[in-house]
Amino acid sequence: MKSICFFSGNVDMSGGTERVSFDIANALCDRGYKIRFLSLDNGKNPFYFLKEEIPLHSLHLEGKSKKWNIISIIKSLRLFLKEHNIDYIIDIDIILSIYSIPATLNLPTEVISWEHFNYFAKVGTTRQNLERQMARYLASRRAKIIITLTDKDRDYYLENLNCKAEVITMFNPSSIKKSQRSNLQKKVIIAVGRLTYQKGFDLLLPAWEVVKRENSDWILKIIGSGEDEQMLKDMAVELNIQDSVEFIPNTKGIEKYYLNASIYVMSSRFEGFGLVLTEAKAFGLPLVSFDCDCGPSDIIRDNIDGILVEENDIGGLSKAMLDLIQHSDKRVAMGEEGFLDNRFELNGIVDKWENLFISSDGERK
């Protein structure tokens, strides 16, 4: 079996990227692959469950400037790949290609670069965005495979870069096993995500203010942590909706919130995919989301298992939430359709991942 290293910035983080990479790694381990996880920083206390058979390694760069230590990082990574005879290194964020591409020069190790963001999204500082674009260019020239989460992002790669790498669309799997589902009777709407500009909670709160005027007995629960927390709490007070909005810190026990909600809403300005939408479907929740670039339109079948709203349309978001609040039959029908959607189940997607590791002279299934 192939020896595979999942390469992370910090496995102790609680983001969707980390969750999905752990799920894929665990599943491949169950299928007999030799899996390792390597972290640039920290790496001793992963937020998500990782099988004990999977060794955790770290380059221990916490507190050190990656900008000034790039040569040292590349050398250390190269030594690691040689020492452990790694066949494939999977950059769980494509920005890590800055290190993996030069580290694998003239080595038999193949690079798989995994893109979790929209190609045009601006994430982080100006320098970080420049690094991300540089990493995309390096991956397009020297990686074996680039994985995008949507066909639209795959097209962006092919249109904007002269890709020598193979570019493949691969949905992120839902980590939720379909065993329990909400009865959709609780007067609760939930939204899950990091409290940051990308997730658009500052757009959701004004939309919720309109909903609250007509349905004062419903509650909005926002689950997540982040740098915009105080700003959002202050906004809730200014809009006089603080009694109907509950902010809940990031938690490992997210399932109970899905089970006790009746609608899921996503207000993101942009996404790479929108993993929370697949999770909400697994609990039978109808979805409301901005039709941002990219992801929601790949997951939500409009007016079948959810409602897509023109991006940044606060009034449209209010209207869609009110529609599902006021029509319980529609809510239940959409929840049922979402629950039956099996496109994002783990086993099927791991089958596609496993197909990537067929030898270069083999043919893909």
Protein backbone atom coordinates (compact mmCIF):
# COMPACT_ATOMS: atom_id res chain seq x y z
CA MET A 1 0.00 0.00 0.00
CA LYS A 2 1.09 3.58 -0.66
CA SER A 3 2.61 5.72 2.10
CA ILE A 4 0.64 8.97 2.32
CA CYS A 5 1.41 12.12 4.32
CA PHE A 6 -1.29 14.70 4.97
CA PHE A 7 0.52 18.05 5.33
CA SER A 8 -1.16 20.72 7.49
CA GLY A 9 -0.38 24.17 8.77
CA ASN A 10 -1.63 23.28 12.25
CA VAL A 11 -3.63 20.12 12.99
CA ASP A 12 -4.80 21.61 16.27
CA MET A 13 -7.07 24.02 14.36
CA SER A 14 -10.83 23.49 14.32
CA GLY A 15 -11.66 24.46 10.73
CA GLY A 16 -13.56 22.55 8.08
CA THR A 17 -10.33 21.88 6.18
CA GLU A 18 -8.90 20.03 9.16
CA ARG A 19 -12.12 18.12 9.79
CA VAL A 20 -12.36 16.84 6.22
CA SER A 21 -8.68 15.89 5.98
CA PHE A 22 -8.97 13.89 9.23
CA ASP A 23 -12.07 12.09 7.94
CA ILE A 24 -10.33 11.15 4.68
CA ALA A 25 -7.14 10.11 6.49
CA ASN A 26 -9.04 7.91 8.96
CA ALA A 27 -10.98 6.24 6.16
CA LEU A 28 -7.86 5.56 4.09
CA CYS A 29 -6.18 4.14 7.20
CA ASP A 30 -9.13 1.73 7.56
CA ARG A 31 -8.45 0.62 3.99
CA GLY A 32 -4.85 -0.30 4.77
CA TYR A 33 -2.90 2.75 3.62
CA LYS A 34 0.11 3.92 5.63
CA ILE A 35 -1.02 7.37 6.73
CA ARG A 36 0.93 10.09 8.54
CA PHE A 37 0.01 13.64 9.49
CA LEU A 38 2.63 16.38 9.44
CA SER A 39 1.99 19.82 10.90
CA LEU A 40 4.05 22.98 10.48
CA ASP A 41 2.97 24.25 13.92
CA ASN A 42 1.95 22.48 17.12
CA GLY A 43 0.34 19.12 16.30
CA LYS A 44 0.07 17.54 19.73
CA ASN A 45 -3.61 18.20 20.40
CA PRO A 46 -5.69 17.73 17.26
CA PHE A 47 -9.16 19.23 17.56
CA TYR A 48 -10.79 16.38 15.64
CA PHE A 49 -10.52 12.63 16.12
CA LEU A 50 -7.54 10.95 14.47
CA LYS A 51 -7.02 7.20 14.67
CA GLU A 52 -4.21 6.19 17.02
CA GLU A 53 -2.65 4.17 14.20
CA ILE A 54 -1.89 7.45 12.37
CA PRO A 55 1.39 9.02 13.60
CA LEU A 56 1.39 12.75 14.23
CA HIS A 57 4.53 14.73 13.37
CA SER A 58 5.38 18.41 13.58
CA LEU A 59 8.11 20.73 12.31
CA HIS A 60 7.40 22.83 15.45
CA LEU A 61 7.50 26.27 13.86
CA GLU A 62 5.16 27.84 16.40
CA GLY A 63 6.35 31.37 17.16
CA LYS A 64 8.79 31.39 14.23
CA SER A 65 8.48 33.46 11.08
CA LYS A 66 7.67 31.22 8.14
CA LYS A 67 8.61 34.08 5.83
CA TRP A 68 12.25 34.05 7.00
CA ASN A 69 12.50 30.30 7.58
CA ILE A 70 11.22 29.06 4.22
CA ILE A 71 14.52 27.44 3.17
CA SER A 72 14.80 25.72 6.55
CA ILE A 73 11.18 24.50 6.27
CA ILE A 74 11.78 23.08 2.80
CA LYS A 75 14.94 21.28 3.97
CA SER A 76 13.19 19.83 7.03
CA LEU A 77 10.22 18.71 4.96
CA ARG A 78 12.49 17.09 2.39
CA LEU A 79 14.31 15.14 5.10
CA PHE A 80 10.98 14.00 6.53
CA LEU A 81 9.76 12.75 3.15
CA LYS A 82 12.98 10.82 2.59
CA GLU A 83 13.09 9.35 6.09
CA HIS A 84 9.53 8.00 5.89
CA ASN A 85 9.55 7.00 2.20
CA ILE A 86 6.44 9.04 1.45
CA ASP A 87 4.78 8.21 -1.87
CA TYR A 88 2.24 11.04 -1.78
CA ILE A 89 2.18 14.29 0.17
CA ILE A 90 -1.25 15.89 0.31
CA ASP A 91 -1.22 19.63 0.97
CA ILE A 92 -4.50 20.03 2.81
CA ASP A 93 -4.36 23.73 1.90
CA ILE A 94 -2.87 24.61 -1.47
CA ILE A 95 -0.78 27.42 0.07
CA LEU A 96 1.44 24.67 1.54
CA SER A 97 2.63 23.94 -2.01
CA ILE A 98 5.14 26.74 -1.42
CA TYR A 99 7.00 24.18 0.72
CA SER A 100 6.00 20.82 -0.75
CA ILE A 101 6.81 21.55 -4.40
CA PRO A 102 10.46 22.53 -3.87
CA ALA A 103 10.87 19.91 -1.11
CA THR A 104 9.96 17.09 -3.52
CA LEU A 105 12.25 18.22 -6.34
CA ASN A 106 13.91 15.08 -7.79
CA LEU A 107 12.22 12.89 -5.16
CA PRO A 108 9.78 10.09 -6.07
CA THR A 109 7.17 11.70 -3.78
CA GLU A 110 4.15 13.01 -5.70
CA VAL A 111 2.31 16.18 -4.60
CA ILE A 112 -1.48 16.43 -4.40
CA SER A 113 -2.55 20.03 -3.75
CA TRP A 114 -6.02 20.47 -2.26
CA GLU A 115 -7.78 23.77 -2.92
CA HIS A 116 -10.36 24.63 -0.27
CA PHE A 117 -10.99 28.25 -1.22
CA ASN A 118 -12.62 29.95 -4.14
CA TYR A 119 -9.91 30.74 -6.72
CA PHE A 120 -10.62 34.49 -6.53
CA ALA A 121 -11.19 34.71 -2.77
CA LYS A 122 -9.02 37.09 -0.77
CA VAL A 123 -8.20 35.39 2.51
CA GLY A 124 -5.84 36.90 5.09
CA THR A 125 -3.25 39.61 4.52
CA THR A 126 -2.01 40.95 1.19
CA ARG A 127 1.18 38.93 1.63
CA GLN A 128 -0.79 35.75 2.37
CA ASN A 129 -2.87 36.26 -0.76
CA LEU A 130 0.27 36.72 -2.85
CA GLU A 131 1.69 33.54 -1.33
CA ARG A 132 -1.52 31.69 -2.14
CA GLN A 133 -1.36 32.78 -5.77
CA MET A 134 2.29 31.76 -5.92
CA ALA A 135 1.40 28.38 -4.44
CA ARG A 136 -1.35 27.91 -7.02
CA TYR A 137 1.11 28.66 -9.81
CA LEU A 138 3.70 26.22 -8.40
CA ALA A 139 1.05 23.53 -7.98
CA SER A 140 -0.24 24.07 -11.51
CA ARG A 141 3.27 23.47 -12.88
CA ARG A 142 4.71 20.78 -10.60
CA ALA A 143 1.99 19.01 -8.61
CA LYS A 144 0.69 15.67 -9.88
CA ILE A 145 -2.91 16.56 -9.05
CA ILE A 146 -4.81 19.66 -7.95
CA ILE A 147 -8.13 18.94 -6.25
CA THR A 148 -10.87 21.57 -6.38
CA LEU A 149 -14.16 21.29 -4.55
CA THR A 150 -16.40 22.47 -7.40
CA ASP A 151 -16.43 22.29 -11.18
CA LYS A 152 -16.55 26.08 -11.28
CA ASP A 153 -13.26 26.33 -9.41
CA ARG A 154 -11.76 23.66 -11.66
CA ASP A 155 -12.70 25.83 -14.63
CA TYR A 156 -11.08 28.85 -12.96
CA TYR A 157 -7.81 26.93 -12.67
CA LEU A 158 -7.89 25.79 -16.28
CA GLU A 159 -8.81 29.26 -17.53
CA ASN A 160 -6.25 31.20 -15.49
CA LEU A 161 -3.23 28.89 -15.24
CA ASN A 162 -1.42 26.82 -17.83
CA CYS A 163 -1.90 23.69 -15.76
CA LYS A 164 0.47 20.79 -16.24
CA ALA A 165 -1.07 19.21 -13.15
CA GLU A 166 -4.25 17.22 -13.56
CA VAL A 167 -7.14 19.22 -12.08
CA ILE A 168 -9.91 17.13 -10.53
CA THR A 169 -13.17 18.10 -8.84
CA MET A 170 -13.79 16.23 -5.59
CA PHE A 171 -16.65 17.10 -3.23
CA ASN A 172 -15.89 17.27 0.46
CA PRO A 173 -17.70 14.49 2.34
CA SER A 174 -20.07 15.06 5.18
CA SER A 175 -18.64 13.62 8.38
CA ILE A 176 -22.13 13.00 9.73
CA LYS A 177 -23.54 9.47 9.72
CA LYS A 178 -27.20 9.54 8.82
CA SER A 179 -28.74 8.00 11.89
CA GLN A 180 -30.64 10.78 13.62
CA ARG A 181 -32.52 13.66 12.10
CA SER A 182 -34.35 16.71 13.33
CA ASN A 183 -38.14 16.61 13.58
CA LEU A 184 -38.13 20.25 12.39
CA GLN A 185 -40.49 21.32 15.16
CA LYS A 186 -38.13 23.53 17.18
CA LYS A 187 -38.40 27.26 16.47
CA VAL A 188 -34.67 27.52 15.91
CA ILE A 189 -32.53 28.50 12.93
CA ILE A 190 -28.81 27.80 13.11
CA ALA A 191 -25.71 29.05 11.32
CA VAL A 192 -22.25 27.56 11.85
CA GLY A 193 -18.87 29.04 10.98
CA ARG A 194 -15.92 31.14 11.99
CA LEU A 195 -16.93 34.64 13.09
CA THR A 196 -15.13 36.43 10.31
CA TYR A 197 -15.83 38.62 7.26
CA GLN A 198 -16.03 35.68 4.85
CA LYS A 199 -18.99 34.09 6.64
CA GLY A 200 -21.15 37.20 6.36
CA PHE A 201 -22.79 37.09 9.78
CA ASP A 202 -22.91 40.90 9.60
CA LEU A 203 -25.33 40.36 6.69
CA LEU A 204 -27.30 37.67 8.50
CA LEU A 205 -28.06 39.81 11.56
CA PRO A 206 -29.93 42.58 9.63
CA ALA A 207 -31.82 39.85 7.78
CA TRP A 208 -32.71 38.28 11.11
CA GLU A 209 -33.97 41.63 12.41
CA VAL A 210 -36.67 41.53 9.69
CA VAL A 211 -37.56 37.92 10.58
CA LYS A 212 -37.81 38.73 14.27
CA ARG A 213 -40.35 41.49 13.65
CA GLU A 214 -42.78 38.91 12.25
CA ASN A 215 -41.77 35.87 14.31
CA SER A 216 -40.61 36.94 17.74
CA ASP A 217 -40.78 33.38 19.09
CA TRP A 218 -38.04 32.02 16.78
CA ILE A 219 -34.36 32.02 17.79
CA LEU A 220 -31.19 32.29 15.71
CA LYS A 221 -28.18 30.38 17.02
CA ILE A 222 -24.76 31.27 15.59
CA ILE A 223 -22.16 28.64 16.42
CA GLY A 224 -18.51 29.51 16.04
CA SER A 225 -15.62 31.62 17.28
CA GLY A 226 -13.51 34.28 15.64
CA GLU A 227 -12.20 37.81 15.50
CA ASP A 228 -15.57 39.43 14.71
CA GLU A 229 -17.34 38.10 17.80
CA GLN A 230 -17.59 41.37 19.74
CA MET A 231 -18.51 43.37 16.65
CA LEU A 232 -21.36 40.97 15.89
CA LYS A 233 -22.61 41.01 19.47
CA ASP A 234 -22.59 44.82 19.40
CA MET A 235 -24.50 44.76 16.10
CA ALA A 236 -27.15 42.49 17.63
CA VAL A 237 -27.64 45.03 20.43
CA GLU A 238 -27.85 47.93 17.97
CA LEU A 239 -30.50 46.05 15.98
CA ASN A 240 -32.35 45.19 19.22
CA ILE A 241 -32.29 41.47 18.43
CA GLN A 242 -29.95 40.36 21.20
CA ASP A 243 -32.78 38.47 22.94
CA SER A 244 -33.37 36.29 19.88
CA VAL A 245 -29.74 35.67 18.86
CA GLU A 246 -27.53 33.23 20.75
CA PHE A 247 -23.77 33.14 20.14
CA ILE A 248 -22.26 29.75 20.94
CA PRO A 249 -18.48 29.15 20.90
CA ASN A 250 -16.99 26.60 18.55
CA THR A 251 -17.77 23.14 19.88
CA LYS A 252 -17.03 19.49 19.15
CA GLY A 253 -20.65 18.62 20.06
CA ILE A 254 -22.19 20.27 17.03
CA GLU A 255 -24.64 17.42 16.37
CA LYS A 256 -27.04 18.42 19.14
CA TYR A 257 -27.48 21.85 17.56
CA TYR A 258 -28.40 20.40 14.18
CA LEU A 259 -30.85 18.01 15.84
CA ASN A 260 -32.56 20.83 17.69
CA ALA A 261 -32.93 23.18 14.74
CA SER A 262 -35.53 23.42 11.97
CA ILE A 263 -33.68 25.50 9.33
CA TYR A 264 -30.04 26.04 8.42
CA VAL A 265 -28.92 29.42 7.02
CA MET A 266 -25.62 30.34 5.38
CA SER A 267 -24.75 33.98 4.71
CA SER A 268 -21.20 33.63 3.36
CA ARG A 269 -19.74 36.20 0.98
CA PHE A 270 -17.67 33.44 -0.62
CA GLU A 271 -16.90 29.78 -0.03
CA GLY A 272 -14.68 27.05 -1.34
CA PHE A 273 -17.51 24.57 -0.86
CA GLY A 274 -19.74 24.96 2.19
CA LEU A 275 -19.27 21.76 4.19
CA VAL A 276 -21.79 22.87 6.82
CA LEU A 277 -24.53 22.66 4.19
CA THR A 278 -23.83 18.96 3.65
CA GLU A 279 -23.81 18.41 7.42
CA ALA A 280 -27.17 20.16 7.79
CA LYS A 281 -28.60 17.95 5.05
CA ALA A 282 -27.44 14.85 6.92
CA PHE A 283 -29.73 15.93 9.79
CA GLY A 284 -32.64 16.60 7.46
CA LEU A 285 -32.56 20.40 7.70
CA PRO A 286 -33.86 22.54 4.84
CA LEU A 287 -31.27 25.08 3.71
CA VAL A 288 -31.23 28.79 3.00
CA SER A 289 -28.07 30.26 1.51
CA PHE A 290 -26.64 33.08 -0.52
CA ASP A 291 -25.71 31.76 -3.95
CA CYS A 292 -22.12 32.87 -3.45
CA ASP A 293 -19.12 31.76 -5.45
CA CYS A 294 -18.47 28.78 -5.04
CA GLY A 295 -20.25 25.83 -3.44
CA PRO A 296 -23.88 26.45 -2.46
CA SER A 297 -25.25 25.85 -5.95
CA ASP A 298 -23.35 22.53 -6.08
CA ILE A 299 -24.92 21.40 -2.80
CA ILE A 300 -28.39 22.99 -2.75
CA ARG A 301 -30.94 21.98 -5.36
CA ASP A 302 -32.92 25.20 -5.43
CA ASN A 303 -36.52 24.81 -4.28
CA ILE A 304 -35.97 21.08 -3.81
CA ASP A 305 -33.88 20.82 -0.64
CA GLY A 306 -33.25 24.49 0.00
CA ILE A 307 -33.52 28.05 -1.23
CA LEU A 308 -30.71 29.89 -3.00
CA VAL A 309 -30.73 33.67 -2.60
CA GLU A 310 -28.85 36.15 -4.75
CA GLU A 311 -25.52 36.85 -3.04
CA ASN A 312 -25.53 39.68 -0.48
CA ASP A 313 -29.31 40.15 -0.86
CA ILE A 314 -30.27 40.73 2.77
CA GLY A 315 -33.95 41.19 1.93
CA GLY A 316 -33.95 37.95 -0.06
CA LEU A 317 -32.36 36.10 2.84
CA SER A 318 -35.08 37.37 5.19
CA LYS A 319 -37.80 36.37 2.74
CA ALA A 320 -36.42 32.84 2.33
CA MET A 321 -36.20 32.28 6.09
CA LEU A 322 -39.73 33.59 6.56
CA ASP A 323 -40.98 31.32 3.76
CA LEU A 324 -39.72 28.21 5.56
CA ILE A 325 -40.83 29.44 8.98
CA GLN A 326 -44.38 30.06 7.76
CA HIS A 327 -44.74 26.89 5.66
CA SER A 328 -43.95 23.85 7.77
CA ASP A 329 -44.98 21.46 4.98
CA LYS A 330 -42.39 22.99 2.66
CA ARG A 331 -39.81 22.84 5.44
CA VAL A 332 -40.46 19.13 5.98
CA ALA A 333 -40.46 18.28 2.26
CA MET A 334 -37.14 20.06 1.67
CA GLY A 335 -35.60 18.46 4.74
CA GLU A 336 -36.61 15.02 3.46
CA GLU A 337 -35.07 15.67 0.02
CA GLY A 338 -31.83 16.85 1.61
CA PHE A 339 -31.63 13.85 3.91
CA LEU A 340 -31.97 11.48 0.93
CA ASP A 341 -29.19 13.20 -1.05
CA ASN A 342 -26.25 10.77 -0.95
CA ARG A 343 -23.73 12.69 -3.09
CA PHE A 344 -21.65 13.69 -0.07
CA GLU A 345 -21.41 10.42 1.84
CA LEU A 346 -17.92 9.55 3.03
CA ASN A 347 -17.46 6.06 1.55
CA GLY A 348 -18.24 7.10 -2.00
CA ILE A 349 -15.88 10.05 -1.86
CA VAL A 350 -13.10 7.97 -0.27
CA ASP A 351 -13.48 5.57 -3.21
CA LYS A 352 -12.58 8.49 -5.48
CA TRP A 353 -9.62 9.43 -3.30
CA GLU A 354 -8.37 5.87 -3.34
CA ASN A 355 -8.52 5.95 -7.11
CA LEU A 356 -5.95 8.78 -7.09
CA PHE A 357 -3.29 6.51 -5.67
CA ILE A 358 -3.22 4.07 -8.56
CA SER A 359 0.31 4.01 -9.96
CA SER A 360 1.20 6.47 -12.68
CA ASP A 361 1.19 3.76 -15.35
CA GLY A 362 -2.21 2.50 -14.23
CA GLU A 363 -5.56 3.76 -15.42
CA ARG A 364 -8.07 5.51 -13.20
CA LYS A 365 -11.24 3.62 -12.46
